Structure formats: structure tokens, C-alpha cells
C-alpha atoms as a PDB file:
ATOM      1  CA  MET A   1      14.927 -30.018   6.173  1.00  0.00           C
ATOM      2  CA  SER A   2      16.058 -31.905   9.265  1.00  0.00           C
ATOM      3  CA  CYS A   3      17.550 -30.278  12.369  1.00  0.00           C
ATOM      4  CA  VAL A   4      20.963 -31.648  11.405  1.00  0.00           C
ATOM      5  CA  GLN A   5      20.699 -30.153   7.905  1.00  0.00           C
ATOM      6  CA  CYS A   6      19.524 -26.833   9.336  1.00  0.00           C
ATOM      7  CA  CYS A   7      22.416 -26.690  11.829  1.00  0.00           C
ATOM      8  CA  CYS A   8      24.817 -27.523   9.014  1.00  0.00           C
ATOM      9  CA  CYS A   9      23.368 -24.658   6.937  1.00  0.00           C
ATOM     10  CA  VAL A  10      23.836 -22.242   9.826  1.00  0.00           C
ATOM     11  CA  TRP A  11      27.432 -23.372  10.329  1.00  0.00           C
ATOM     12  CA  VAL A  12      28.228 -23.072   6.618  1.00  0.00           C
ATOM     13  CA  PHE A  13      26.572 -19.634   6.533  1.00  0.00           C
ATOM     14  CA  TYR A  14      28.822 -18.296   9.259  1.00  0.00           C
ATOM     15  CA  VAL A  15      31.889 -19.729   7.530  1.00  0.00           C
ATOM     16  CA  VAL A  16      31.084 -17.867   4.292  1.00  0.00           C
ATOM     17  CA  THR A  17      29.900 -14.550   5.772  1.00  0.00           C
ATOM     18  CA  TYR A  18      31.308 -11.110   6.371  1.00  0.00           C
ATOM     19  CA  ARG A  19      29.958  -7.824   7.690  1.00  0.00           C
ATOM     20  CA  PHE A  20      28.562  -5.324   5.188  1.00  0.00           C
ATOM     21  CA  GLU A  21      27.076  -2.048   6.396  1.00  0.00           C
ATOM     22  CA  GLY A  22      26.423  -3.540   9.838  1.00  0.00           C
ATOM     23  CA  CYS A  23      24.723  -6.671   8.486  1.00  0.00           C
ATOM     24  CA  VAL A  24      26.126 -10.173   8.252  1.00  0.00           C
ATOM     25  CA  VAL A  25      25.911 -11.252   4.628  1.00  0.00           C
ATOM     26  CA  CYS A  26      27.399 -14.003   2.501  1.00  0.00           C
ATOM     27  CA  CYS A  27      30.420 -13.525   0.314  1.00  0.00           C
ATOM     28  CA  ILE A  28      29.081 -14.143  -3.196  1.00  0.00           C
ATOM     29  CA  ALA A  29      32.114 -16.211  -4.256  1.00  0.00           C
ATOM     30  CA  ASP A  30      31.785 -18.473  -1.215  1.00  0.00           C
ATOM     31  CA  VAL A  31      28.038 -18.873  -1.732  1.00  0.00           C
ATOM     32  CA  LYS A  32      28.691 -19.811  -5.356  1.00  0.00           C
ATOM     33  CA  ALA A  33      31.239 -22.417  -4.228  1.00  0.00           C
ATOM     34  CA  GLU A  34      28.670 -23.901  -1.831  1.00  0.00           C
ATOM     35  CA  MET A  35      26.024 -23.932  -4.565  1.00  0.00           C
ATOM     36  CA  MET A  36      28.381 -25.562  -7.073  1.00  0.00           C
ATOM     37  CA  LYS A  37      28.821 -28.518  -4.692  1.00  0.00           C
ATOM     38  CA  SER A  38      25.270 -29.513  -5.649  1.00  0.00           C
ATOM     39  CA  GLN A  39      26.397 -30.056  -9.273  1.00  0.00           C
ATOM     40  CA  LEU A  40      23.170 -28.507 -10.521  1.00  0.00           C
ATOM     41  CA  PRO A  41      23.346 -26.546 -13.807  1.00  0.00           C
ATOM     42  CA  ASN A  42      24.255 -22.854 -13.502  1.00  0.00           C
ATOM     43  CA  SER A  43      20.860 -21.832 -14.880  1.00  0.00           C
ATOM     44  CA  VAL A  44      19.126 -23.751 -12.077  1.00  0.00           C
ATOM     45  CA  LEU A  45      21.475 -22.334  -9.443  1.00  0.00           C
ATOM     46  CA  GLY A  46      20.780 -18.813 -10.700  1.00  0.00           C
ATOM     47  CA  LYS A  47      17.057 -19.350 -10.343  1.00  0.00           C
ATOM     48  CA  ILE A  48      17.544 -20.802  -6.846  1.00  0.00           C
ATOM     49  CA  TYR A  49      19.594 -17.753  -5.820  1.00  0.00           C
ATOM     50  CA  ARG A  50      16.906 -15.383  -7.131  1.00  0.00           C
ATOM     51  CA  LEU A  51      14.186 -17.309  -5.284  1.00  0.00           C
ATOM     52  CA  ALA A  52      16.186 -17.302  -2.035  1.00  0.00           C
ATOM     53  CA  ASP A  53      17.041 -13.581  -2.220  1.00  0.00           C
ATOM     54  CA  VAL A  54      13.610 -12.707  -0.844  1.00  0.00           C
ATOM     55  CA  ASP A  55      14.301  -9.006  -0.290  1.00  0.00           C
ATOM     56  CA  GLN A  56      16.057  -8.834  -3.679  1.00  0.00           C
ATOM     57  CA  ASP A  57      19.062  -6.876  -2.419  1.00  0.00           C
ATOM     58  CA  GLY A  58      21.546  -9.156  -4.186  1.00  0.00           C
ATOM     59  CA  LEU A  59      22.853 -10.446  -0.842  1.00  0.00           C
ATOM     60  CA  LEU A  60      21.822 -13.396   1.312  1.00  0.00           C
ATOM     61  CA  ASP A  61      21.417 -13.134   5.061  1.00  0.00           C
ATOM     62  CA  ALA A  62      21.268 -16.209   7.332  1.00  0.00           C
ATOM     63  CA  ASP A  63      17.569 -16.868   6.655  1.00  0.00           C
ATOM     64  CA  GLU A  64      17.950 -16.499   2.903  1.00  0.00           C
ATOM     65  CA  PHE A  65      21.054 -18.697   2.905  1.00  0.00           C
ATOM     66  CA  ALA A  66      19.182 -21.442   4.773  1.00  0.00           C
ATOM     67  CA  LEU A  67      16.304 -21.044   2.304  1.00  0.00           C
ATOM     68  CA  MET A  68      18.738 -21.378  -0.610  1.00  0.00           C
ATOM     69  CA  MET A  69      20.178 -24.586   0.844  1.00  0.00           C
ATOM     70  CA  HIS A  70      16.636 -25.908   1.402  1.00  0.00           C
ATOM     71  CA  ILE A  71      15.629 -25.157  -2.201  1.00  0.00           C
ATOM     72  CA  ILE A  72      18.795 -26.891  -3.440  1.00  0.00           C
ATOM     73  CA  ALA A  73      17.890 -29.948  -1.351  1.00  0.00           C
ATOM     74  CA  ILE A  74      14.357 -29.920  -2.784  1.00  0.00           C
ATOM     75  CA  LYS A  75      15.722 -29.768  -6.330  1.00  0.00           C
ATOM     76  CA  LEU A  76      18.217 -32.559  -5.625  1.00  0.00           C
ATOM     77  CA  ASP A  77      15.313 -34.676  -4.350  1.00  0.00           C
ATOM     78  CA  GLY A  78      13.859 -34.476  -7.864  1.00  0.00           C
ATOM     79  CA  TYR A  79      11.221 -31.777  -7.458  1.00  0.00           C
ATOM     80  CA  ASP A  80      10.751 -28.946  -9.941  1.00  0.00           C
ATOM     81  CA  LEU A  81      11.501 -25.393  -8.868  1.00  0.00           C
ATOM     82  CA  PRO A  82       8.449 -23.177  -8.458  1.00  0.00           C
ATOM     83  CA  PRO A  83       8.143 -20.180 -10.800  1.00  0.00           C
ATOM     84  CA  SER A  84       7.949 -18.004  -7.679  1.00  0.00           C
ATOM     85  CA  LEU A  85       8.652 -18.551  -3.997  1.00  0.00           C
ATOM     86  CA  PRO A  86       5.604 -20.001  -2.226  1.00  0.00           C
ATOM     87  CA  SER A  87       4.539 -17.827   0.702  1.00  0.00           C
ATOM     88  CA  HIS A  88       5.011 -20.702   3.158  1.00  0.00           C
ATOM     89  CA  LEU A  89       8.741 -20.699   2.316  1.00  0.00           C
ATOM     90  CA  VAL A  90       9.248 -16.983   2.998  1.00  0.00           C
ATOM     91  CA  PRO A  91      11.371 -16.758   6.173  1.00  0.00           C
ATOM     92  CA  PRO A  92       9.513 -15.169   9.125  1.00  0.00           C
ATOM     93  CA  SER A  93      12.048 -12.328   9.217  1.00  0.00           C
ATOM     94  CA  LYS A  94      11.126 -11.414   5.623  1.00  0.00           C
ATOM     95  CA  ARG A  95       7.338 -11.763   5.715  1.00  0.00           C
ATOM     96  CA  GLU A  96       6.637  -8.115   6.473  1.00  0.00           C
ATOM     97  CA  LYS A  97       8.999  -6.995   3.685  1.00  0.00           C
ATOM     98  CA  VAL A  98       7.230  -8.873   0.884  1.00  0.00           C
ATOM     99  CA  GLN A  99       3.833  -8.360  -0.667  1.00  0.00           C
ATOM    100  CA  PRO A 100       1.084 -10.418   1.003  1.00  0.00           C
ATOM    101  CA  THR A 101       0.413 -12.724  -1.946  1.00  0.00           C
ATOM    102  CA  SER A 102       0.282 -16.478  -2.328  1.00  0.00           C
ATOM    103  CA  SER A 103       3.839 -16.460  -3.644  1.00  0.00           C
ATOM    104  CA  VAL A 104       6.820 -14.180  -4.120  1.00  0.00           C
ATOM    105  CA  SER A 105       7.869 -13.709  -7.732  1.00  0.00           C
ATOM    106  CA  GLU A 106      11.554 -14.195  -8.498  1.00  0.00           C
ATOM    107  CA  SER A 107      11.412 -11.033 -10.594  1.00  0.00           C
ATOM    108  CA  ALA A 108       9.424  -8.848  -8.191  1.00  0.00           C
ATOM    109  CA  SER A 109      10.911  -5.495  -7.284  1.00  0.00           C
END
């Protein structure tokens, strides 16, 4: 992801966010609208959301939102989605919260 794409992701994140229990999180409806712009099938978008929700709280913070946008870009470039999130894609802010494995399963608890 280029610097321009990353800055765009950050800007879009702050447009679609609100405060929830002291944390800035994305409004699900606005995230869905952003995801739908990709024109990917709903089943693919659902998998992307689950991969990006690293801490599996059902909400996306800024790092997870940027990760989601990055995974969408990867898919749009023609690559297959991984069955689980590769460890090198786990945002630094989430690395201590996930199991130290080679990848993070989309169905891990």
C-alpha cells in the first residue's frame, strides 16, 4: 500500500468513526458502504472483515480499518485471500493481543 493509499485510508477511517466506550471505532454501516465500493461479492467482503478484525471484537479500530482496506486492495489486484491472517499483516498495535503463530485464524477466539 502506498503512502497516498494509506493516508486516504486514515482519512476515510476518521470520516466513518465514532466513539464507543472511550475508543474510536468504525460505524458498521459506514464500513459496509466503504467495502461495497470495491464491488467484491458479499461473501468475500465478510471474509475480509473477519480477517481484518484481528482482536475479534466485532469492531474495527484505525489499524484494523487500514488492514481491511489493504486486504481489499490485494484482492482487487487478483490475489486470493489467505485462509488466516499472515503474522506479517498483524498491525503492531495488535501483535501482543494475538497468539504468536505464523498466522491468525479468522475463526480464532
